[in-house]
Protein backbone atom coordinates (compact mmCIF):
# COMPACT_ATOMS: atom_id res chain seq x y z
CA MET A 1 -35.41 7.96 13.58
CA GLU A 2 -32.61 5.64 13.54
CA VAL A 3 -29.44 7.47 15.22
CA PRO A 4 -26.19 5.73 15.15
CA ASP A 5 -24.62 4.08 18.49
CA SER A 6 -21.53 5.77 18.14
CA VAL A 7 -22.84 9.08 18.58
CA LEU A 8 -25.49 8.56 21.08
CA ARG A 9 -24.27 5.82 23.29
CA PHE A 10 -21.11 5.47 25.73
CA GLU A 11 -20.17 5.55 29.46
CA HIS A 12 -17.48 7.70 30.96
CA VAL A 13 -16.02 7.53 34.43
CA PRO A 14 -14.11 10.73 35.63
CA GLY A 15 -15.08 10.30 39.07
CA GLY A 16 -18.85 10.00 38.92
CA LYS A 17 -20.31 7.76 36.43
CA VAL A 18 -21.88 9.53 33.42
CA LEU A 19 -24.33 7.37 31.37
CA PHE A 20 -25.29 8.77 28.15
CA ALA A 21 -28.05 7.32 25.90
CA PRO A 22 -31.50 7.73 24.56
CA GLY A 23 -33.98 5.97 27.14
CA ALA A 24 -30.91 5.93 29.81
CA LEU A 25 -33.78 7.37 32.38
CA GLY A 26 -34.96 3.87 32.56
CA GLN A 27 -31.82 2.83 34.27
CA ALA A 28 -32.27 5.39 36.93
CA GLY A 29 -33.39 2.60 39.61
CA SER A 30 -30.98 0.23 39.04
CA GLU A 31 -28.10 2.81 39.24
CA ALA A 32 -29.86 4.02 42.60
CA ALA A 33 -29.66 0.63 43.86
CA ARG A 34 -26.31 -0.20 42.80
CA LEU A 35 -25.02 3.04 45.02
CA GLY A 36 -26.86 1.48 47.92
CA GLY A 37 -30.00 3.37 47.86
CA HIS A 38 -33.18 2.37 49.50
CA ARG A 39 -35.46 5.21 50.45
CA VAL A 40 -34.95 7.88 47.50
CA LEU A 41 -35.78 11.69 47.44
CA LEU A 42 -36.48 12.62 44.01
CA VAL A 43 -36.43 16.67 43.69
CA THR A 44 -37.92 18.35 40.65
CA ASP A 45 -40.24 20.92 39.61
CA PRO A 46 -44.00 21.46 38.14
CA GLY A 47 -42.67 21.43 34.51
CA ILE A 48 -40.89 18.06 34.88
CA ARG A 49 -44.29 16.73 36.55
CA SER A 50 -46.38 17.78 33.85
CA ALA A 51 -44.11 16.59 31.22
CA GLY A 52 -44.50 13.04 32.54
CA HIS A 53 -40.74 12.50 33.54
CA GLU A 54 -41.56 12.69 36.98
CA GLU A 55 -43.67 9.40 36.68
CA ARG A 56 -41.01 7.74 34.61
CA ALA A 57 -38.18 8.29 37.25
CA ILE A 58 -40.58 7.19 39.88
CA GLY A 59 -41.38 3.99 37.73
CA SER A 60 -37.76 3.06 36.97
CA LEU A 61 -36.89 3.58 40.86
CA ARG A 62 -39.86 1.56 42.31
CA LYS A 63 -39.25 -1.16 39.73
CA ALA A 64 -35.75 -1.62 41.43
CA GLY A 65 -37.25 -2.09 44.60
CA LEU A 66 -36.57 1.21 46.01
CA GLU A 67 -39.19 3.48 48.19
CA VAL A 68 -39.84 6.96 46.62
CA PHE A 69 -40.27 10.26 48.15
CA VAL A 70 -41.13 13.48 46.06
CA PHE A 71 -40.31 16.94 46.37
CA ASP A 72 -41.51 18.40 43.10
CA GLN A 73 -42.15 22.11 43.87
CA VAL A 74 -38.64 23.51 43.17
CA ARG A 75 -38.86 27.19 41.62
CA GLU A 76 -36.38 28.93 39.14
CA ASN A 77 -33.45 30.19 40.56
CA PRO A 78 -33.91 28.29 43.91
CA THR A 79 -33.51 29.94 47.26
CA THR A 80 -32.82 28.88 50.59
CA ARG A 81 -36.65 28.31 51.15
CA ASP A 82 -36.55 25.79 48.20
CA VAL A 83 -33.69 23.96 50.01
CA ALA A 84 -35.47 24.05 53.35
CA LEU A 85 -38.71 22.46 52.04
CA ALA A 86 -36.50 19.72 50.19
CA VAL A 87 -34.86 19.10 53.73
CA GLU A 88 -38.03 18.62 55.27
CA ALA A 89 -39.19 16.13 52.67
CA ALA A 90 -35.95 14.25 52.92
CA ARG A 91 -36.08 13.92 56.75
CA ASP A 92 -39.77 12.96 56.58
CA GLY A 93 -38.70 10.09 54.20
CA ALA A 94 -35.40 9.15 56.12
CA VAL A 95 -33.85 9.09 52.58
CA ASP A 96 -30.58 7.44 52.17
CA LEU A 97 -30.00 8.92 48.47
CA ILE A 98 -30.96 11.83 46.67
CA VAL A 99 -31.74 12.24 42.67
CA GLY A 100 -31.95 15.92 41.41
CA LEU A 101 -34.30 15.62 37.77
CA GLY A 102 -34.74 18.68 35.79
CA GLY A 103 -32.63 21.75 35.19
CA GLY A 104 -29.88 23.23 36.85
CA SER A 105 -32.38 24.70 39.34
CA SER A 106 -33.64 21.10 40.56
CA MET A 107 -30.17 19.74 40.84
CA ASP A 108 -28.97 22.76 42.52
CA THR A 109 -31.75 22.39 45.28
CA ALA A 110 -30.96 18.49 45.41
CA LYS A 111 -27.37 19.16 46.15
CA GLY A 112 -28.34 22.16 48.64
CA CYS A 113 -30.58 19.76 50.45
CA ASN A 114 -27.61 17.07 50.60
CA PHE A 115 -25.33 19.76 52.41
CA LEU A 116 -28.07 20.56 55.02
CA LEU A 117 -29.38 17.26 55.67
CA THR A 118 -26.10 15.63 56.27
CA ASN A 119 -24.19 18.57 57.87
CA GLY A 120 -26.50 20.65 59.24
CA GLY A 121 -26.55 24.48 59.66
CA GLU A 122 -27.54 26.96 56.85
CA MET A 123 -26.50 27.35 53.31
CA ARG A 124 -24.58 30.28 54.17
CA ASP A 125 -22.25 28.10 56.45
CA TYR A 126 -21.22 26.44 53.18
CA TRP A 127 -20.82 29.41 50.72
CA GLY A 128 -17.10 28.74 49.43
CA VAL A 129 -15.57 25.34 48.64
CA ASN A 130 -15.04 22.26 50.66
CA LYS A 131 -16.60 23.57 54.06
CA ALA A 132 -18.70 20.51 54.52
CA GLU A 133 -17.10 18.27 57.32
CA ARG A 134 -19.24 15.14 57.24
CA PRO A 135 -19.88 12.74 54.43
CA MET A 136 -22.94 13.24 52.24
CA LEU A 137 -25.52 11.03 50.76
CA PRO A 138 -24.98 9.50 47.28
CA PHE A 139 -26.40 11.83 44.66
CA MET A 140 -27.76 10.97 41.08
CA ALA A 141 -28.37 14.13 38.64
CA ILE A 142 -30.69 13.50 35.97
CA PRO A 143 -30.64 16.77 33.35
CA THR A 144 -33.58 17.54 31.50
CA THR A 145 -32.05 20.66 29.87
CA ALA A 146 -29.06 21.16 27.93
CA GLY A 147 -27.81 24.31 29.82
CA THR A 148 -25.98 24.59 33.12
CA GLY A 149 -23.85 21.30 33.17
CA SER A 150 -24.89 21.10 37.01
CA GLU A 151 -24.70 17.46 36.74
CA CYS A 152 -21.10 17.20 36.09
CA GLN A 153 -20.25 20.05 38.94
CA SER A 154 -19.92 19.96 42.61
CA PHE A 155 -21.50 23.38 43.20
CA ALA A 156 -24.97 24.09 44.16
CA LEU A 157 -25.99 27.93 43.23
CA ILE A 158 -28.60 28.97 46.14
CA ALA A 159 -29.80 32.60 46.71
CA ASP A 160 -30.71 33.85 50.04
CA GLU A 161 -34.47 33.81 50.28
CA GLU A 162 -34.49 37.42 52.13
CA THR A 163 -31.19 39.37 50.59
CA HIS A 164 -31.42 37.29 46.95
CA GLN A 165 -27.58 37.15 47.46
CA LYS A 166 -26.64 34.15 45.27
CA MET A 167 -24.23 31.71 47.15
CA ALA A 168 -22.00 29.33 45.25
CA CYS A 169 -21.63 26.30 47.63
CA GLY A 170 -19.03 23.72 46.33
CA ASP A 171 -17.54 20.70 47.93
CA LYS A 172 -16.22 17.24 45.99
CA LYS A 173 -18.72 15.29 48.17
CA ALA A 174 -21.84 17.29 46.81
CA ALA A 175 -21.08 15.90 43.08
CA ALA A 176 -22.91 13.48 41.61
CA ALA A 177 -21.92 9.85 41.98
CA VAL A 178 -24.09 9.26 38.58
CA ALA A 179 -25.02 11.66 35.88
CA ILE A 180 -27.64 10.14 33.71
CA LEU A 181 -27.71 11.68 30.17
CA ASP A 182 -30.73 10.74 28.33
CA PRO A 183 -31.60 13.13 25.29
CA GLU A 184 -34.93 11.93 24.96
CA LEU A 185 -35.91 14.07 28.15
CA THR A 186 -35.10 17.18 26.13
CA LEU A 187 -37.29 16.69 23.49
CA THR A 188 -40.19 18.39 25.24
CA LYS A 189 -38.28 21.46 26.00
CA PRO A 190 -40.14 24.62 24.40
CA ARG A 191 -38.31 26.76 21.80
CA GLY A 192 -37.67 29.50 24.34
CA VAL A 193 -36.00 27.16 27.04
CA THR A 194 -34.07 25.63 24.38
CA ALA A 195 -32.74 28.84 23.04
CA CYS A 196 -31.73 30.45 26.64
CA THR A 197 -30.29 27.09 28.05
CA GLY A 198 -28.43 26.53 24.74
CA ILE A 199 -26.90 30.09 24.69
CA ASP A 200 -25.79 29.61 28.57
CA ALA A 201 -23.87 26.16 27.55
CA LEU A 202 -22.18 27.85 24.78
CA ALA A 203 -20.97 30.60 27.02
CA HIS A 204 -19.91 28.17 29.33
CA ALA A 205 -17.67 26.43 26.85
CA VAL A 206 -16.23 30.11 25.49
CA GLU A 207 -15.68 31.27 29.10
CA THR A 208 -13.88 28.07 30.50
CA ALA A 209 -11.69 27.93 27.18
CA VAL A 210 -9.83 31.25 28.08
CA CYS A 211 -10.21 31.82 31.85
CA LYS A 212 -7.08 32.29 34.23
CA LYS A 213 -7.88 29.04 35.78
CA ARG A 214 -7.82 27.04 32.40
CA THR A 215 -5.82 23.76 32.36
CA GLY A 216 -5.03 21.10 29.61
CA ILE A 217 -7.65 18.91 31.04
CA SER A 218 -10.42 21.75 30.80
CA ALA A 219 -9.15 22.96 27.73
CA HIS A 220 -10.19 19.75 25.96
CA TYR A 221 -13.53 19.81 27.48
CA SER A 222 -14.24 23.54 26.64
CA ARG A 223 -13.23 22.78 22.79
CA VAL A 224 -15.10 19.72 22.71
CA ALA A 225 -18.16 21.22 24.04
CA PHE A 226 -17.86 24.36 21.80
CA HIS A 227 -17.85 22.23 18.68
CA LEU A 228 -20.70 19.90 19.72
CA LEU A 229 -22.88 23.14 21.02
CA ASN A 230 -22.03 25.21 17.94
CA ARG A 231 -23.43 22.53 15.54
CA GLY A 232 -25.98 21.21 17.95
CA PHE A 233 -27.79 24.52 18.64
CA GLU A 234 -28.20 25.56 15.17
CA GLU A 235 -29.80 21.92 14.49
CA VAL A 236 -32.23 22.13 17.58
CA LEU A 237 -33.63 25.29 16.37
CA ARG A 238 -34.29 24.28 12.94
CA GLY A 239 -35.53 20.60 14.06
CA PRO A 240 -36.65 20.49 17.75
CA GLY A 241 -37.34 16.68 17.33
CA ASP A 242 -33.74 15.99 15.97
CA LEU A 243 -32.73 13.30 19.01
CA GLU A 244 -29.01 13.44 17.32
CA ALA A 245 -28.94 17.20 17.67
CA ARG A 246 -30.58 17.13 21.13
CA GLY A 247 -27.68 14.47 22.24
CA ARG A 248 -25.06 16.70 20.85
CA MET A 249 -26.50 19.72 23.02
CA LEU A 250 -27.03 17.47 26.36
CA LEU A 251 -23.33 16.09 25.97
CA GLY A 252 -22.00 19.69 25.13
CA ALA A 253 -23.56 21.00 28.17
CA ALA A 254 -22.23 18.29 30.14
CA PHE A 255 -18.75 18.58 29.08
CA ALA A 256 -18.94 22.53 29.35
CA GLY A 257 -19.87 21.88 32.97
CA THR A 258 -16.95 19.39 33.41
CA ALA A 259 -14.61 22.31 31.84
CA ILE A 260 -16.18 24.91 34.71
CA GLU A 261 -15.43 21.90 37.53
CA ASN A 262 -11.91 21.96 36.12
CA SER A 263 -11.56 25.90 35.62
CA MET A 264 -13.81 28.89 36.07
CA LEU A 265 -15.89 31.31 34.35
CA GLY A 266 -15.29 35.06 33.35
CA ALA A 267 -16.73 38.36 32.87
CA ALA A 268 -19.63 37.49 30.87
CA HIS A 269 -21.20 35.73 33.83
CA SER A 270 -19.86 38.81 36.05
CA THR A 271 -21.92 41.31 33.78
CA ALA A 272 -24.87 39.01 33.33
CA ASN A 273 -25.73 38.41 36.99
CA PRO A 274 -26.55 42.10 37.72
CA LEU A 275 -28.94 42.13 34.62
CA THR A 276 -30.62 39.22 36.06
CA ALA A 277 -30.62 40.23 39.85
CA ARG A 278 -32.06 44.08 38.80
CA TYR A 279 -34.11 43.48 35.68
CA GLY A 280 -34.96 39.72 36.43
CA THR A 281 -33.20 39.20 32.95
CA ILE A 282 -33.46 35.35 32.05
CA HIS A 283 -29.91 34.25 32.64
CA GLY A 284 -29.18 32.55 29.34
CA VAL A 285 -30.53 36.22 27.79
CA ALA A 286 -28.23 38.22 30.18
CA VAL A 287 -25.23 35.85 29.47
CA GLY A 288 -25.61 35.51 25.53
CA LEU A 289 -25.71 39.10 24.95
CA MET A 290 -23.00 40.20 26.92
CA LEU A 291 -20.76 37.20 25.63
CA PRO A 292 -19.69 38.76 22.16
CA HIS A 293 -18.49 41.87 23.54
CA VAL A 294 -16.71 40.16 26.45
CA VAL A 295 -15.09 37.98 23.60
CA ALA A 296 -13.92 41.49 21.90
CA ALA A 297 -12.41 42.98 24.93
CA ASN A 298 -10.51 39.79 25.87
CA ARG A 299 -9.11 39.80 22.12
CA ARG A 300 -6.23 42.32 24.04
CA ASP A 301 -4.95 39.03 25.44
CA ALA A 302 -2.86 37.34 22.76
CA ALA A 303 -3.43 33.78 24.13
CA ALA A 304 -7.23 34.20 24.54
CA SER A 305 -7.37 35.79 21.10
CA ALA A 306 -5.73 32.57 19.67
CA ILE A 307 -8.00 30.31 21.70
CA TYR A 308 -11.07 31.92 20.02
CA ASP A 309 -9.64 31.64 16.67
CA GLY A 310 -9.26 28.07 17.39
CA LEU A 311 -13.03 27.65 18.25
CA HIS A 312 -14.36 29.72 15.38
CA PRO A 313 -13.03 32.18 13.24
CA GLY A 314 -14.76 35.44 13.88
CA LEU A 315 -16.37 34.08 17.18
CA GLU A 316 -17.89 37.45 17.90
CA GLU A 317 -20.11 37.37 14.98
CA ARG A 318 -20.65 33.63 15.08
CA LEU A 319 -22.18 34.47 18.71
CA GLN A 320 -24.32 37.10 17.42
CA GLU A 321 -25.48 35.12 14.33
CA LEU A 322 -26.63 32.29 16.80
CA LEU A 323 -28.52 34.88 19.12
CA LEU A 324 -30.29 35.95 16.09
CA ARG A 325 -31.22 32.68 14.80
CA ALA A 326 -32.54 31.83 18.40
CA GLY A 327 -34.54 34.89 18.45
CA LEU A 328 -32.87 36.09 21.32
CA PRO A 329 -32.00 39.75 22.25
CA VAL A 330 -28.59 41.15 20.87
CA LYS A 331 -28.95 44.70 22.46
CA ALA A 332 -29.12 45.15 26.30
CA ARG A 333 -31.53 47.93 26.01
CA ASP A 334 -33.72 45.21 24.20
CA ALA A 335 -33.45 43.09 27.78
CA GLY A 336 -34.60 46.55 29.91
CA MET A 337 -31.19 47.74 30.69
CA GLU A 338 -30.95 51.52 31.19
CA LEU A 339 -27.94 53.48 30.26
CA GLU A 340 -27.91 55.66 33.34
CA LYS A 341 -27.71 52.62 35.70
CA VAL A 342 -24.34 51.37 34.00
CA PRO A 343 -22.11 52.63 36.91
CA GLU A 344 -24.19 50.71 39.42
CA LEU A 345 -24.27 47.64 37.27
CA ALA A 346 -20.66 47.89 36.57
CA ALA A 347 -19.89 48.02 40.32
CA GLU A 348 -21.90 45.07 40.59
CA ALA A 349 -20.25 43.12 38.00
CA ALA A 350 -16.70 44.04 39.21
CA LYS A 351 -17.35 42.35 42.62
CA GLN A 352 -18.88 39.12 40.89
CA TRP A 353 -16.77 35.93 42.10
CA THR A 354 -15.89 34.98 38.33
CA ALA A 355 -14.42 38.33 37.51
CA GLN A 356 -11.38 37.69 38.68
CA PHE A 357 -10.95 34.82 36.26
CA ASN A 358 -11.44 36.76 33.28
CA PRO A 359 -8.10 36.79 31.06
CA VAL A 360 -8.25 40.50 30.98
CA PRO A 361 -8.37 42.19 34.06
CA LEU A 362 -11.58 44.23 34.39
CA ASP A 363 -12.37 46.90 36.93
CA GLU A 364 -15.60 48.95 37.34
CA ALA A 365 -14.59 51.16 34.23
CA GLY A 366 -13.94 47.96 31.97
CA MET A 367 -17.36 46.39 33.28
CA ALA A 368 -18.85 49.88 32.35
CA ASP A 369 -17.44 49.71 28.68
CA LEU A 370 -18.95 46.40 28.33
CA TYR A 371 -22.31 47.60 29.30
CA ARG A 372 -22.05 50.48 26.93
CA ALA A 373 -20.99 48.44 24.02
CA ALA A 374 -23.82 45.86 24.87
CA PHE A 375 -26.49 48.75 25.11
């Protein structure tokens, strides 16, 4: 299939370099060498290895004369254990550059590894913002899913192995020096992964558009991200091999990630996290089923309501439509939520960090209303 260059090729330098093109994985080696890398740790997961992407990345890095060490046992929703194992691999190889290849879990693990390798201590020492005192190694992010936008963010989301408490550890030094966006890498994603990660990316665009920390810059990224994702999501569900649609999704997710980096999220993520923690609900499923109800609640804020209308008239209905087309649950009870647990879920949701940035203040009672509406 022939794709117009104007759609699928450009370079953008907003701090780190963003390289976007089909086949861009082949430039991983030259980019790593340009960053001064000689001994590289490649952080990825077993699924990426099975898909053949790990071997392709290793080939590109070795072609550029770099020595490659691999940690490919990243688990979904990485914990401090995953980070510790990656650090062990990095120390064994005496690496001077880190590459995260995969979904948000691989990129988060790679960032977490960078914190501990260069600054020591434990992940909880970096819970918060800008707590790393020493320089960090150059980091290159190569996403294989169009979801988290972690390649354009300076945060690593790592759970404590014992308590399961998720820690958001952010530092500008942890951001990717280079993000390689290759839509060909997303062609191998199963429909279920495409659906869950796509809804997550859409939620990022919608929540950053109205959150209290939004700025003129973040608003532009949110808006462009939403329009790319709104169109691309339907297209990839209909035609998984549509490279141009895959490109829209990958770029939209990256722009939504950039919007998060310049603003924050809101109550959809605050209410989704307890569902994931308590019931094991996939994050994209949880945030997707809560998002339409959060949008409806936020209509009480006139500015937020106007922004929603600018994204898509009848946004709540559009989001529900996309959930149905993706085959994802639209009712919280279908995702295992128990009505009698609403007070406990609401208490947890109200304590989530992102809750404070929602345009309409929501206490425990407000969060409970959202859960009941979604049930």
